[in-house]
Amino acid sequence: MTEPVISESLAAARQRLADALQQAGRPLANARLLAVSKTKPAAMIREAWHLGQRDFGENYVQEALDKQDELADLAGIVWHFIGPLQSNKTREVAERFAWVHSVDRVKIARRLNDQRPEALPPLQVCLQVNISAEASKSGVSLDELPALAEAVLAMPRLRLRGLMAIPAPAEGLDAQRAPLARLRQALEGLRERFPEAPLDTLSMGMSDDLEAAVLEGATLVRLGTAIFGARQRHE
């Protein structure tokens, strides 16, 4: 399969997001694209950067570190870790990423906090919620979410920004919106409970449900295939 022309696919993704925001009656600055670059070569990230893309999402720590080394000359690039995070990988993530979207338990949060270098700003964190209650998915349950949020808010090297979810696939706009609405409501509940916290982020929406996510308030939309083409299998 031929690789996409990044200038065209990125422009199309930006237009799709802009159209969705307009349809939802939201300002264009209310949400931004997170280009999910896992399994894609550094050269494609460099090309997207030259086209003005700054936020990139990676799922695999070692792959991401290799790309970060290769792209160290790119000013303003923002690395987001969005995959499941194991205890033995927290140090690299704490040291090399600006954002982590997949914090789902206190142990991982504590390790990230303790391993975040003092010279860097606090690590921006989203809590991953298992919004569809799938046994196969990572994420904290809605019932356990407030306790986890409270614990993370007490960690000085982390800054809790919001929530992330990967809902179960659904057909049709209404079915897609339902779990995303639950995530939005969960964030609203945390804002009421912790009014001093900077809870401004909903990391939700991918290629199949971008429009539903924007209607429910997404602020970071994670697009991979739509920008970079089909992914290679990760070994």
Foldseek 3Di string as FASTA:
>chain_A
DDKDDQVVLVVVVLVVLQVLCVVLVHDSLQADEAAEQEQHDLVLVVVVVVVPDAHYEYADQVVVVVSCVVPVVRPRHAYEYEHDDDPVRLLSCLDPHQEYQDAADLSSLVSSLVNNDPVDAAREYAFEAALQPDPPDDGHYLVCVVVSVVSNVVRRSYAYAYYEYDYDDDDDLVVLLVSLLVRLVSLVVNCVVPVVGNHSAYEDAEDVHNSSNVSNRHHYHYYYCSNTNDHDDDD
